[in-house]
Amino acid sequence: MGSPFLRWWLTALFLLPGLFFLARCLLRGVPATRVSDGLHVLMCAGMIVMMWPTGLVVPVAAQLAVFGAGTLWFAGLVVVGHDDCDWPRSWGAHAHHAIMMAGMVWMIAIMSMHRAVVPGLQAGIAAVLAALFLLGSAAVAVRSSRSTSGVPLPVAADVLMSVGMAGTTLVLIT
């Protein structure tokens, strides 16, 4: 990423929800929700690391293991029907988070391969991921906005992360 402005802007975009989920992780008592919030913190941190050249010092295998486990965690929550989030439908939120975690695995893998991938295929997958991130966040934002209580802060933080991941996927990968 060449633009310092874009790098700082995206860093701030991921820092805000990251701090929110960190505080929530420390304050919530249910272990499963702490794991979910902790994975959100790691995802925000991972996205920030991707913005900066010094982020290359984080071992690729460790990142792949953490975000691969996160993908399985959220997919498991879909399967068992765990209801721990503020989205209108928990299964949809967990599915969206599983896709975001899988997107992290894909971005890390692609970025570590440098030029060993097919560029057209890489850009196509990046576009599909970006569309999934945006569609998922748009669907929940629209559904939440119809609520009489408005959009809950956790949903706003998730939407911010999704929009940031969509933009970052297209900027970093294509």
C-alpha atoms as a PDB file:
ATOM      1  CA  MET A   1       0.000   0.000   0.000  1.00  0.00           C
ATOM      2  CA  GLY A   2       1.700   3.165  -1.179  1.00  0.00           C
ATOM      3  CA  SER A   3      -0.503   5.976   0.135  1.00  0.00           C
ATOM      4  CA  PRO A   4       0.356   7.090   3.694  1.00  0.00           C
ATOM      5  CA  PHE A   5      -3.060   8.748   3.998  1.00  0.00           C
ATOM      6  CA  LEU A   6      -4.889   5.528   3.099  1.00  0.00           C
ATOM      7  CA  ARG A   7      -2.633   3.502   5.403  1.00  0.00           C
ATOM      8  CA  TRP A   8      -3.393   5.794   8.382  1.00  0.00           C
ATOM      9  CA  TRP A   9      -7.081   6.029   7.536  1.00  0.00           C
ATOM     10  CA  LEU A  10      -7.485   2.242   7.380  1.00  0.00           C
ATOM     11  CA  THR A  11      -5.437   1.846  10.563  1.00  0.00           C
ATOM     12  CA  ALA A  12      -7.861   4.160  12.386  1.00  0.00           C
ATOM     13  CA  LEU A  13     -10.815   2.351  10.800  1.00  0.00           C
ATOM     14  CA  PHE A  14      -9.676  -0.962  12.337  1.00  0.00           C
ATOM     15  CA  LEU A  15      -8.406   0.547  15.587  1.00  0.00           C
ATOM     16  CA  LEU A  16     -11.846   1.837  16.625  1.00  0.00           C
ATOM     17  CA  PRO A  17     -13.738  -1.470  16.451  1.00  0.00           C
ATOM     18  CA  GLY A  18     -10.650  -3.281  17.758  1.00  0.00           C
ATOM     19  CA  LEU A  19     -10.655  -1.198  20.929  1.00  0.00           C
ATOM     20  CA  PHE A  20     -14.417  -1.631  21.283  1.00  0.00           C
ATOM     21  CA  PHE A  21     -14.175  -5.431  21.013  1.00  0.00           C
ATOM     22  CA  LEU A  22     -11.191  -5.488  23.384  1.00  0.00           C
ATOM     23  CA  ALA A  23     -13.162  -3.624  26.055  1.00  0.00           C
ATOM     24  CA  ARG A  24     -16.156  -5.874  25.487  1.00  0.00           C
ATOM     25  CA  CYS A  25     -13.975  -8.975  25.655  1.00  0.00           C
ATOM     26  CA  LEU A  26     -12.611  -7.897  29.025  1.00  0.00           C
ATOM     27  CA  LEU A  27     -16.056  -7.002  30.421  1.00  0.00           C
ATOM     28  CA  ARG A  28     -18.202  -9.913  29.260  1.00  0.00           C
ATOM     29  CA  GLY A  29     -18.497 -12.985  31.440  1.00  0.00           C
ATOM     30  CA  VAL A  30     -19.536 -15.774  29.064  1.00  0.00           C
ATOM     31  CA  PRO A  31     -16.439 -17.618  27.767  1.00  0.00           C
ATOM     32  CA  ALA A  32     -17.830 -18.182  24.255  1.00  0.00           C
ATOM     33  CA  THR A  33     -18.560 -14.487  23.784  1.00  0.00           C
ATOM     34  CA  ARG A  34     -15.093 -13.624  25.066  1.00  0.00           C
ATOM     35  CA  VAL A  35     -13.570 -15.916  22.453  1.00  0.00           C
ATOM     36  CA  SER A  36     -15.676 -14.303  19.710  1.00  0.00           C
ATOM     37  CA  ASP A  37     -14.789 -10.786  20.845  1.00  0.00           C
ATOM     38  CA  GLY A  38     -11.127 -11.766  21.190  1.00  0.00           C
ATOM     39  CA  LEU A  39     -11.138 -13.070  17.618  1.00  0.00           C
ATOM     40  CA  HIS A  40     -12.560  -9.726  16.481  1.00  0.00           C
ATOM     41  CA  VAL A  41      -9.677  -7.980  18.262  1.00  0.00           C
ATOM     42  CA  LEU A  42      -7.161 -10.255  16.548  1.00  0.00           C
ATOM     43  CA  MET A  43      -8.816  -9.674  13.180  1.00  0.00           C
ATOM     44  CA  CYS A  44      -8.593  -5.895  13.616  1.00  0.00           C
ATOM     45  CA  ALA A  45      -4.968  -6.223  14.724  1.00  0.00           C
ATOM     46  CA  GLY A  46      -4.245  -8.477  11.747  1.00  0.00           C
ATOM     47  CA  MET A  47      -5.722  -5.965   9.336  1.00  0.00           C
ATOM     48  CA  ILE A  48      -3.652  -3.170  10.888  1.00  0.00           C
ATOM     49  CA  VAL A  49      -0.520  -5.300  10.604  1.00  0.00           C
ATOM     50  CA  MET A  50      -1.242  -5.816   6.887  1.00  0.00           C
ATOM     51  CA  MET A  51      -1.209  -2.038   6.340  1.00  0.00           C
ATOM     52  CA  TRP A  52       2.393  -1.578   7.378  1.00  0.00           C
ATOM     53  CA  PRO A  53       5.649  -2.926   5.927  1.00  0.00           C
ATOM     54  CA  THR A  54       6.767  -3.972   9.426  1.00  0.00           C
ATOM     55  CA  GLY A  55       3.792  -6.329   9.561  1.00  0.00           C
ATOM     56  CA  LEU A  56       5.792  -8.818   7.546  1.00  0.00           C
ATOM     57  CA  VAL A  57       7.653  -9.837  10.734  1.00  0.00           C
ATOM     58  CA  VAL A  58       4.575 -11.624  12.129  1.00  0.00           C
ATOM     59  CA  PRO A  59       5.024 -15.329  11.233  1.00  0.00           C
ATOM     60  CA  VAL A  60       2.690 -16.370   8.431  1.00  0.00           C
ATOM     61  CA  ALA A  61       2.093 -19.814   9.956  1.00  0.00           C
ATOM     62  CA  ALA A  62       0.923 -18.263  13.236  1.00  0.00           C
ATOM     63  CA  GLN A  63      -1.471 -15.935  11.429  1.00  0.00           C
ATOM     64  CA  LEU A  64      -2.858 -18.770   9.320  1.00  0.00           C
ATOM     65  CA  ALA A  65      -3.341 -20.942  12.422  1.00  0.00           C
ATOM     66  CA  VAL A  66      -5.118 -18.207  14.404  1.00  0.00           C
ATOM     67  CA  PHE A  67      -7.439 -17.112  11.622  1.00  0.00           C
ATOM     68  CA  GLY A  68      -8.033 -20.693  10.465  1.00  0.00           C
ATOM     69  CA  ALA A  69      -9.099 -21.565  14.011  1.00  0.00           C
ATOM     70  CA  GLY A  70     -11.277 -18.423  14.027  1.00  0.00           C
ATOM     71  CA  THR A  71     -12.975 -19.573  10.832  1.00  0.00           C
ATOM     72  CA  LEU A  72     -13.750 -22.929  12.437  1.00  0.00           C
ATOM     73  CA  TRP A  73     -14.925 -21.224  15.646  1.00  0.00           C
ATOM     74  CA  PHE A  74     -17.510 -19.051  13.914  1.00  0.00           C
ATOM     75  CA  ALA A  75     -18.585 -21.869  11.575  1.00  0.00           C
ATOM     76  CA  GLY A  76     -19.092 -24.001  14.674  1.00  0.00           C
ATOM     77  CA  LEU A  77     -21.282 -21.307  16.221  1.00  0.00           C
ATOM     78  CA  VAL A  78     -23.449 -21.406  13.096  1.00  0.00           C
ATOM     79  CA  VAL A  79     -23.811 -25.182  13.405  1.00  0.00           C
ATOM     80  CA  VAL A  80     -24.638 -25.241  17.122  1.00  0.00           C
ATOM     81  CA  GLY A  81     -26.875 -22.172  16.889  1.00  0.00           C
ATOM     82  CA  HIS A  82     -25.126 -20.218  19.637  1.00  0.00           C
ATOM     83  CA  ASP A  83     -26.877 -16.882  20.196  1.00  0.00           C
ATOM     84  CA  ASP A  84     -24.349 -14.432  21.612  1.00  0.00           C
ATOM     85  CA  CYS A  85     -24.417 -11.383  19.419  1.00  0.00           C
ATOM     86  CA  ASP A  86     -26.409  -8.245  18.784  1.00  0.00           C
ATOM     87  CA  TRP A  87     -27.144  -8.914  15.125  1.00  0.00           C
ATOM     88  CA  PRO A  88     -30.785  -9.507  14.160  1.00  0.00           C
ATOM     89  CA  ARG A  89     -30.002 -13.174  13.393  1.00  0.00           C
ATOM     90  CA  SER A  90     -27.070 -14.786  15.208  1.00  0.00           C
ATOM     91  CA  TRP A  91     -26.488 -17.516  12.629  1.00  0.00           C
ATOM     92  CA  GLY A  92     -26.096 -14.872   9.930  1.00  0.00           C
ATOM     93  CA  ALA A  93     -23.627 -12.937  12.052  1.00  0.00           C
ATOM     94  CA  HIS A  94     -21.575 -16.023  12.768  1.00  0.00           C
ATOM     95  CA  ALA A  95     -21.604 -17.029   9.099  1.00  0.00           C
ATOM     96  CA  HIS A  96     -20.470 -13.526   8.151  1.00  0.00           C
ATOM     97  CA  HIS A  97     -17.683 -13.670  10.754  1.00  0.00           C
ATOM     98  CA  ALA A  98     -16.601 -17.100   9.476  1.00  0.00           C
ATOM     99  CA  ILE A  99     -16.353 -15.629   5.966  1.00  0.00           C
ATOM    100  CA  MET A 100     -14.342 -12.690   7.321  1.00  0.00           C
ATOM    101  CA  MET A 101     -11.947 -15.055   9.107  1.00  0.00           C
ATOM    102  CA  ALA A 102     -11.617 -17.194   5.968  1.00  0.00           C
ATOM    103  CA  GLY A 103     -10.926 -13.971   4.064  1.00  0.00           C
ATOM    104  CA  MET A 104      -8.092 -13.243   6.491  1.00  0.00           C
ATOM    105  CA  VAL A 105      -6.622 -16.698   5.848  1.00  0.00           C
ATOM    106  CA  TRP A 106      -6.843 -16.131   2.114  1.00  0.00           C
ATOM    107  CA  MET A 107      -5.291 -12.635   2.242  1.00  0.00           C
ATOM    108  CA  ILE A 108      -2.406 -13.804   4.424  1.00  0.00           C
ATOM    109  CA  ALA A 109      -1.757 -16.808   2.185  1.00  0.00           C
ATOM    110  CA  ILE A 110      -1.866 -14.741  -1.008  1.00  0.00           C
ATOM    111  CA  MET A 111       0.323 -11.969   0.371  1.00  0.00           C
ATOM    112  CA  SER A 112       2.906 -14.514   1.557  1.00  0.00           C
ATOM    113  CA  MET A 113       3.108 -16.116  -1.899  1.00  0.00           C
ATOM    114  CA  HIS A 114       4.145 -12.841  -3.527  1.00  0.00           C
ATOM    115  CA  ARG A 115       3.903 -13.458  -7.270  1.00  0.00           C
ATOM    116  CA  ALA A 116       3.255 -17.226  -7.282  1.00  0.00           C
ATOM    117  CA  VAL A 117      -0.474 -16.865  -7.971  1.00  0.00           C
ATOM    118  CA  VAL A 118      -2.570 -16.300 -11.069  1.00  0.00           C
ATOM    119  CA  PRO A 119      -3.296 -12.519 -11.107  1.00  0.00           C
ATOM    120  CA  GLY A 120      -6.749 -12.757 -12.707  1.00  0.00           C
ATOM    121  CA  LEU A 121      -7.830 -15.444 -10.288  1.00  0.00           C
ATOM    122  CA  GLN A 122      -6.440 -13.464  -7.367  1.00  0.00           C
ATOM    123  CA  ALA A 123      -8.329 -10.313  -8.398  1.00  0.00           C
ATOM    124  CA  GLY A 124     -11.524 -12.304  -8.961  1.00  0.00           C
ATOM    125  CA  ILE A 125     -11.405 -13.890  -5.511  1.00  0.00           C
ATOM    126  CA  ALA A 126     -10.615 -10.490  -3.970  1.00  0.00           C
ATOM    127  CA  ALA A 127     -13.669  -9.019  -5.685  1.00  0.00           C
ATOM    128  CA  VAL A 128     -15.914 -11.869  -4.468  1.00  0.00           C
ATOM    129  CA  LEU A 129     -14.637 -11.505  -0.894  1.00  0.00           C
ATOM    130  CA  ALA A 130     -15.085  -7.732  -0.962  1.00  0.00           C
ATOM    131  CA  ALA A 131     -18.644  -8.195  -2.248  1.00  0.00           C
ATOM    132  CA  LEU A 132     -19.409 -10.726   0.511  1.00  0.00           C
ATOM    133  CA  PHE A 133     -18.025  -8.378   3.171  1.00  0.00           C
ATOM    134  CA  LEU A 134     -20.110  -5.486   1.857  1.00  0.00           C
ATOM    135  CA  LEU A 135     -23.297  -7.473   1.284  1.00  0.00           C
ATOM    136  CA  GLY A 136     -23.150  -9.021   4.738  1.00  0.00           C
ATOM    137  CA  SER A 137     -22.646  -5.700   6.453  1.00  0.00           C
ATOM    138  CA  ALA A 138     -25.256  -3.948   4.310  1.00  0.00           C
ATOM    139  CA  ALA A 139     -27.863  -6.608   5.027  1.00  0.00           C
ATOM    140  CA  VAL A 140     -27.429  -6.398   8.762  1.00  0.00           C
ATOM    141  CA  ALA A 141     -27.221  -2.604   8.768  1.00  0.00           C
ATOM    142  CA  VAL A 142     -30.492  -2.335   6.838  1.00  0.00           C
ATOM    143  CA  ARG A 143     -32.195  -4.891   9.062  1.00  0.00           C
ATOM    144  CA  SER A 144     -30.897  -3.216  12.246  1.00  0.00           C
ATOM    145  CA  SER A 145     -31.915   0.233  11.050  1.00  0.00           C
ATOM    146  CA  ARG A 146     -35.523  -0.955  10.923  1.00  0.00           C
ATOM    147  CA  SER A 147     -35.366  -1.698  14.634  1.00  0.00           C
ATOM    148  CA  THR A 148     -37.021   0.814  16.925  1.00  0.00           C
ATOM    149  CA  SER A 149     -33.921   0.860  19.122  1.00  0.00           C
ATOM    150  CA  GLY A 150     -31.564   1.704  16.235  1.00  0.00           C
ATOM    151  CA  VAL A 151     -28.304   0.049  15.278  1.00  0.00           C
ATOM    152  CA  PRO A 152     -26.486  -1.439  18.286  1.00  0.00           C
ATOM    153  CA  LEU A 153     -22.853  -0.405  18.764  1.00  0.00           C
ATOM    154  CA  PRO A 154     -21.512  -3.962  18.207  1.00  0.00           C
ATOM    155  CA  VAL A 155     -23.307  -4.116  14.864  1.00  0.00           C
ATOM    156  CA  ALA A 156     -21.856  -0.731  13.890  1.00  0.00           C
ATOM    157  CA  ALA A 157     -18.380  -1.989  14.833  1.00  0.00           C
ATOM    158  CA  ASP A 158     -18.904  -5.151  12.732  1.00  0.00           C
ATOM    159  CA  VAL A 159     -20.094  -3.089   9.785  1.00  0.00           C
ATOM    160  CA  LEU A 160     -17.032  -0.827  10.101  1.00  0.00           C
ATOM    161  CA  MET A 161     -14.766  -3.884  10.091  1.00  0.00           C
ATOM    162  CA  SER A 162     -16.528  -5.380   7.074  1.00  0.00           C
ATOM    163  CA  VAL A 163     -16.324  -2.202   5.025  1.00  0.00           C
ATOM    164  CA  GLY A 164     -12.672  -1.828   5.989  1.00  0.00           C
ATOM    165  CA  MET A 165     -11.933  -5.421   5.023  1.00  0.00           C
ATOM    166  CA  ALA A 166     -13.665  -4.991   1.671  1.00  0.00           C
ATOM    167  CA  GLY A 167     -11.603  -1.919   0.849  1.00  0.00           C
ATOM    168  CA  THR A 168      -8.382  -3.407   2.142  1.00  0.00           C
ATOM    169  CA  THR A 169      -8.906  -6.641   0.226  1.00  0.00           C
ATOM    170  CA  LEU A 170      -9.215  -4.741  -3.023  1.00  0.00           C
ATOM    171  CA  VAL A 171      -6.320  -2.358  -2.272  1.00  0.00           C
ATOM    172  CA  LEU A 172      -3.830  -4.909  -0.991  1.00  0.00           C
ATOM    173  CA  ILE A 173      -4.602  -7.831  -3.266  1.00  0.00           C
ATOM    174  CA  THR A 174      -5.456  -6.354  -6.660  1.00  0.00           C
END
